Amino acid sequence: MSGGNKCVSWICYCCKYCMYCLELIVKFINRNAYIMVAIKGTNYCVSAGQALKLIVSNALRLLAVNVIGDILIGLAKLTVAIAYAEEYPDTYLSSPVLVVLVCVLTGWTIAEIFFSVYEMAIDTIILAFCEDCDANGGDPKFAPPLLMEVMGAKPDHQGNKVATGKT
């Protein structure tokens, strides 16, 4: 295959790309299925189906929360990495570039590990909110008022909050 057949090489590249995309999809489904297992207590396959149904029916809401969350968490990771590099001590080195680069990479790795917990919490809260809306006919019953306000809820006639479905 290394003989130079461009057609075979292109087909192999396409297969690798398709496998990479499939891997990302499976990881996404797996993550949300485990969240639904934790929320509902159902088995994995049922939870995966419920998670996909919720994701499809609330795609814009989830997209908005995930985009904003990813931007804020990315900025937080960058801040931690830069702050970690600021602790450079005065030494006899003529060029501290390598040391600062190692500090930035170490800070980014630590921030990546730490903030992955927050990403999972955000995903869990938003999926639980969508499940609450779905289970109660579009009106979340158990959501806190601040979450309902952020997710586009408005008060009903009795002063309670009701989801509008808008992002």
C-alpha atoms as a PDB file:
ATOM      1  CA  MET A   1       0.000   0.000   0.000  1.00  0.00           C
ATOM      2  CA  SER A   2       2.971   2.282   0.327  1.00  0.00           C
ATOM      3  CA  GLY A   3       3.727   1.735  -3.371  1.00  0.00           C
ATOM      4  CA  GLY A   4       2.004   4.977  -4.265  1.00  0.00           C
ATOM      5  CA  ASN A   5      -1.484   4.002  -5.410  1.00  0.00           C
ATOM      6  CA  LYS A   6      -3.285   7.289  -4.747  1.00  0.00           C
ATOM      7  CA  CYS A   7      -6.750   5.765  -5.003  1.00  0.00           C
ATOM      8  CA  VAL A   8      -6.033   3.185  -2.283  1.00  0.00           C
ATOM      9  CA  SER A   9      -4.363   5.845  -0.165  1.00  0.00           C
ATOM     10  CA  TRP A  10      -7.391   8.129  -0.515  1.00  0.00           C
ATOM     11  CA  ILE A  11      -9.808   5.302   0.373  1.00  0.00           C
ATOM     12  CA  CYS A  12      -7.736   4.488   3.488  1.00  0.00           C
ATOM     13  CA  TYR A  13      -7.755   8.146   4.481  1.00  0.00           C
ATOM     14  CA  CYS A  14     -11.554   8.308   4.062  1.00  0.00           C
ATOM     15  CA  CYS A  15     -11.983   5.140   6.139  1.00  0.00           C
ATOM     16  CA  LYS A  16      -9.792   6.560   8.925  1.00  0.00           C
ATOM     17  CA  TYR A  17     -11.802   9.793   8.905  1.00  0.00           C
ATOM     18  CA  CYS A  18     -15.104   7.897   9.029  1.00  0.00           C
ATOM     19  CA  MET A  19     -13.828   5.808  11.943  1.00  0.00           C
ATOM     20  CA  TYR A  20     -12.738   8.973  13.739  1.00  0.00           C
ATOM     21  CA  CYS A  21     -16.201  10.508  13.256  1.00  0.00           C
ATOM     22  CA  LEU A  22     -17.833   7.287  14.448  1.00  0.00           C
ATOM     23  CA  GLU A  23     -15.613   7.307  17.533  1.00  0.00           C
ATOM     24  CA  LEU A  24     -16.679  10.882  18.373  1.00  0.00           C
ATOM     25  CA  ILE A  25     -20.342   9.978  17.954  1.00  0.00           C
ATOM     26  CA  VAL A  26     -20.001   6.900  20.169  1.00  0.00           C
ATOM     27  CA  LYS A  27     -18.211   8.947  22.856  1.00  0.00           C
ATOM     28  CA  PHE A  28     -20.985  11.567  22.732  1.00  0.00           C
ATOM     29  CA  ILE A  29     -23.716   8.937  23.020  1.00  0.00           C
ATOM     30  CA  ASN A  30     -21.810   7.123  25.770  1.00  0.00           C
ATOM     31  CA  ARG A  31     -21.391  10.289  27.849  1.00  0.00           C
ATOM     32  CA  ASN A  32     -25.059  11.247  27.611  1.00  0.00           C
ATOM     33  CA  ALA A  33     -26.233   7.667  28.135  1.00  0.00           C
ATOM     34  CA  TYR A  34     -24.310   7.455  31.410  1.00  0.00           C
ATOM     35  CA  ILE A  35     -25.810  10.780  32.491  1.00  0.00           C
ATOM     36  CA  MET A  36     -29.295   9.371  31.846  1.00  0.00           C
ATOM     37  CA  VAL A  37     -28.385   6.166  33.717  1.00  0.00           C
ATOM     38  CA  ALA A  38     -27.495   8.354  36.703  1.00  0.00           C
ATOM     39  CA  ILE A  39     -30.669  10.457  36.400  1.00  0.00           C
ATOM     40  CA  LYS A  40     -33.254   7.764  35.675  1.00  0.00           C
ATOM     41  CA  GLY A  41     -31.631   4.551  36.874  1.00  0.00           C
ATOM     42  CA  THR A  42     -32.553   2.687  33.684  1.00  0.00           C
ATOM     43  CA  ASN A  43     -30.232   0.347  31.802  1.00  0.00           C
ATOM     44  CA  TYR A  44     -27.641   1.622  29.344  1.00  0.00           C
ATOM     45  CA  CYS A  45     -29.496   0.998  26.075  1.00  0.00           C
ATOM     46  CA  VAL A  46     -32.751   2.551  27.277  1.00  0.00           C
ATOM     47  CA  SER A  47     -30.809   5.504  28.682  1.00  0.00           C
ATOM     48  CA  ALA A  48     -28.941   5.989  25.398  1.00  0.00           C
ATOM     49  CA  GLY A  49     -32.251   6.093  23.534  1.00  0.00           C
ATOM     50  CA  GLN A  50     -33.747   8.553  26.025  1.00  0.00           C
ATOM     51  CA  ALA A  51     -30.653  10.753  25.847  1.00  0.00           C
ATOM     52  CA  LEU A  52     -30.732  10.850  22.047  1.00  0.00           C
ATOM     53  CA  LYS A  53     -34.447  11.682  22.099  1.00  0.00           C
ATOM     54  CA  LEU A  54     -33.859  14.533  24.551  1.00  0.00           C
ATOM     55  CA  ILE A  55     -30.883  15.837  22.588  1.00  0.00           C
ATOM     56  CA  VAL A  56     -32.796  15.859  19.308  1.00  0.00           C
ATOM     57  CA  SER A  57     -35.895  17.496  20.819  1.00  0.00           C
ATOM     58  CA  ASN A  58     -33.840  20.168  22.629  1.00  0.00           C
ATOM     59  CA  ALA A  59     -31.040  20.643  20.114  1.00  0.00           C
ATOM     60  CA  LEU A  60     -31.028  24.464  20.078  1.00  0.00           C
ATOM     61  CA  ARG A  61     -31.200  24.744  23.850  1.00  0.00           C
ATOM     62  CA  LEU A  62     -28.337  22.274  24.277  1.00  0.00           C
ATOM     63  CA  LEU A  63     -26.306  23.926  21.524  1.00  0.00           C
ATOM     64  CA  ALA A  64     -26.604  27.353  23.139  1.00  0.00           C
ATOM     65  CA  VAL A  65     -25.612  26.104  26.588  1.00  0.00           C
ATOM     66  CA  ASN A  66     -22.727  23.991  25.275  1.00  0.00           C
ATOM     67  CA  VAL A  67     -21.283  26.760  23.082  1.00  0.00           C
ATOM     68  CA  ILE A  68     -21.372  29.321  25.890  1.00  0.00           C
ATOM     69  CA  GLY A  69     -20.099  26.749  28.397  1.00  0.00           C
ATOM     70  CA  ASP A  70     -17.250  25.667  26.129  1.00  0.00           C
ATOM     71  CA  ILE A  71     -16.161  29.277  25.571  1.00  0.00           C
ATOM     72  CA  LEU A  72     -16.195  30.074  29.295  1.00  0.00           C
ATOM     73  CA  ILE A  73     -14.447  26.851  30.279  1.00  0.00           C
ATOM     74  CA  GLY A  74     -11.853  27.398  27.527  1.00  0.00           C
ATOM     75  CA  LEU A  75     -11.153  30.880  28.882  1.00  0.00           C
ATOM     76  CA  ALA A  76     -10.881  29.440  32.392  1.00  0.00           C
ATOM     77  CA  LYS A  77      -8.384  26.814  31.197  1.00  0.00           C
ATOM     78  CA  LEU A  78      -6.356  29.482  29.432  1.00  0.00           C
ATOM     79  CA  THR A  79      -6.387  31.646  32.558  1.00  0.00           C
ATOM     80  CA  VAL A  80      -5.164  28.758  34.712  1.00  0.00           C
ATOM     81  CA  ALA A  81      -2.425  27.890  32.207  1.00  0.00           C
ATOM     82  CA  ILE A  82      -1.208  31.486  32.013  1.00  0.00           C
ATOM     83  CA  ALA A  83      -1.389  31.928  35.785  1.00  0.00           C
ATOM     84  CA  TYR A  84       0.627  28.752  36.197  1.00  0.00           C
ATOM     85  CA  ALA A  85       3.340  30.152  33.911  1.00  0.00           C
ATOM     86  CA  GLU A  86       3.465  33.443  35.842  1.00  0.00           C
ATOM     87  CA  GLU A  87       5.158  31.623  38.714  1.00  0.00           C
ATOM     88  CA  TYR A  88       8.474  31.542  36.853  1.00  0.00           C
ATOM     89  CA  PRO A  89      11.351  31.949  39.322  1.00  0.00           C
ATOM     90  CA  ASP A  90      14.448  34.010  38.596  1.00  0.00           C
ATOM     91  CA  THR A  91      17.234  31.628  37.640  1.00  0.00           C
ATOM     92  CA  TYR A  92      20.506  31.645  35.774  1.00  0.00           C
ATOM     93  CA  LEU A  93      18.876  30.491  32.496  1.00  0.00           C
ATOM     94  CA  SER A  94      19.545  32.739  29.525  1.00  0.00           C
ATOM     95  CA  SER A  95      16.172  31.930  27.924  1.00  0.00           C
ATOM     96  CA  PRO A  96      13.206  30.867  30.027  1.00  0.00           C
ATOM     97  CA  VAL A  97      11.087  29.916  26.981  1.00  0.00           C
ATOM     98  CA  LEU A  98      11.283  26.149  27.537  1.00  0.00           C
ATOM     99  CA  VAL A  99      10.545  26.446  31.253  1.00  0.00           C
ATOM    100  CA  VAL A 100       7.588  28.758  30.670  1.00  0.00           C
ATOM    101  CA  LEU A 101       6.287  26.482  27.903  1.00  0.00           C
ATOM    102  CA  VAL A 102       6.460  23.451  30.197  1.00  0.00           C
ATOM    103  CA  CYS A 103       4.666  25.448  32.911  1.00  0.00           C
ATOM    104  CA  VAL A 104       1.909  26.488  30.476  1.00  0.00           C
ATOM    105  CA  LEU A 105       1.445  22.910  29.246  1.00  0.00           C
ATOM    106  CA  THR A 106       1.366  21.610  32.817  1.00  0.00           C
ATOM    107  CA  GLY A 107      -1.149  24.273  33.834  1.00  0.00           C
ATOM    108  CA  TRP A 108      -3.313  23.506  30.790  1.00  0.00           C
ATOM    109  CA  THR A 109      -3.251  19.777  31.604  1.00  0.00           C
ATOM    110  CA  ILE A 110      -4.247  20.394  35.212  1.00  0.00           C
ATOM    111  CA  ALA A 111      -7.011  22.766  34.129  1.00  0.00           C
ATOM    112  CA  GLU A 112      -8.220  20.257  31.519  1.00  0.00           C
ATOM    113  CA  ILE A 113      -8.563  17.547  34.166  1.00  0.00           C
ATOM    114  CA  PHE A 114     -10.165  19.868  36.710  1.00  0.00           C
ATOM    115  CA  PHE A 115     -12.662  21.524  34.368  1.00  0.00           C
ATOM    116  CA  SER A 116     -13.757  18.224  32.811  1.00  0.00           C
ATOM    117  CA  VAL A 117     -15.702  17.725  36.036  1.00  0.00           C
ATOM    118  CA  TYR A 118     -17.494  21.037  35.461  1.00  0.00           C
ATOM    119  CA  GLU A 119     -18.234  20.119  31.846  1.00  0.00           C
ATOM    120  CA  MET A 120     -19.843  16.883  33.021  1.00  0.00           C
ATOM    121  CA  ALA A 121     -21.837  18.794  35.653  1.00  0.00           C
ATOM    122  CA  ILE A 122     -23.092  21.275  33.052  1.00  0.00           C
ATOM    123  CA  ASP A 123     -24.113  18.456  30.725  1.00  0.00           C
ATOM    124  CA  THR A 124     -25.871  16.648  33.573  1.00  0.00           C
ATOM    125  CA  ILE A 125     -27.784  19.731  34.712  1.00  0.00           C
ATOM    126  CA  ILE A 126     -28.959  20.639  31.212  1.00  0.00           C
ATOM    127  CA  LEU A 127     -29.975  17.052  30.407  1.00  0.00           C
ATOM    128  CA  ALA A 128     -31.833  16.812  33.731  1.00  0.00           C
ATOM    129  CA  PHE A 129     -33.613  20.085  32.919  1.00  0.00           C
ATOM    130  CA  CYS A 130     -34.623  18.774  29.491  1.00  0.00           C
ATOM    131  CA  GLU A 131     -35.845  15.529  31.070  1.00  0.00           C
ATOM    132  CA  ASP A 132     -37.869  17.543  33.607  1.00  0.00           C
ATOM    133  CA  CYS A 133     -39.442  19.554  30.780  1.00  0.00           C
ATOM    134  CA  ASP A 134     -40.158  16.420  28.770  1.00  0.00           C
ATOM    135  CA  ALA A 135     -41.666  14.525  31.701  1.00  0.00           C
ATOM    136  CA  ASN A 136     -43.954  17.406  32.683  1.00  0.00           C
ATOM    137  CA  GLY A 137     -45.306  18.445  29.300  1.00  0.00           C
ATOM    138  CA  GLY A 138     -42.828  21.243  28.639  1.00  0.00           C
ATOM    139  CA  ASP A 139     -43.188  22.829  32.092  1.00  0.00           C
ATOM    140  CA  PRO A 140     -40.228  22.021  34.342  1.00  0.00           C
ATOM    141  CA  LYS A 141     -41.452  21.004  37.774  1.00  0.00           C
ATOM    142  CA  PHE A 142     -38.223  20.600  39.715  1.00  0.00           C
ATOM    143  CA  ALA A 143     -35.909  23.185  38.122  1.00  0.00           C
ATOM    144  CA  PRO A 144     -34.605  26.007  40.306  1.00  0.00           C
ATOM    145  CA  PRO A 145     -35.890  29.490  39.408  1.00  0.00           C
ATOM    146  CA  LEU A 146     -32.491  30.766  38.255  1.00  0.00           C
ATOM    147  CA  LEU A 147     -32.040  27.842  35.856  1.00  0.00           C
ATOM    148  CA  MET A 148     -35.551  28.346  34.513  1.00  0.00           C
ATOM    149  CA  GLU A 149     -34.821  32.027  33.938  1.00  0.00           C
ATOM    150  CA  VAL A 150     -31.566  31.289  32.132  1.00  0.00           C
ATOM    151  CA  MET A 151     -33.235  28.627  29.999  1.00  0.00           C
ATOM    152  CA  GLY A 152     -35.969  31.023  28.863  1.00  0.00           C
ATOM    153  CA  ALA A 153     -38.817  30.429  31.276  1.00  0.00           C
ATOM    154  CA  LYS A 154     -41.489  32.991  32.094  1.00  0.00           C
ATOM    155  CA  PRO A 155     -43.928  33.247  34.981  1.00  0.00           C
ATOM    156  CA  ASP A 156     -47.385  31.774  34.521  1.00  0.00           C
ATOM    157  CA  HIS A 157     -50.618  33.129  36.019  1.00  0.00           C
ATOM    158  CA  GLN A 158     -49.854  31.932  39.566  1.00  0.00           C
ATOM    159  CA  GLY A 159     -46.357  33.444  39.574  1.00  0.00           C
ATOM    160  CA  ASN A 160     -44.669  30.093  38.951  1.00  0.00           C
ATOM    161  CA  LYS A 161     -42.114  29.693  36.200  1.00  0.00           C
ATOM    162  CA  VAL A 162     -42.998  27.893  32.982  1.00  0.00           C
ATOM    163  CA  ALA A 163     -40.603  26.919  30.189  1.00  0.00           C
ATOM    164  CA  THR A 164     -41.121  28.678  26.877  1.00  0.00           C
ATOM    165  CA  GLY A 165     -38.863  26.378  24.844  1.00  0.00           C
ATOM    166  CA  LYS A 166     -36.850  29.356  23.530  1.00  0.00           C
ATOM    167  CA  THR A 167     -33.099  29.571  23.939  1.00  0.00           C
END
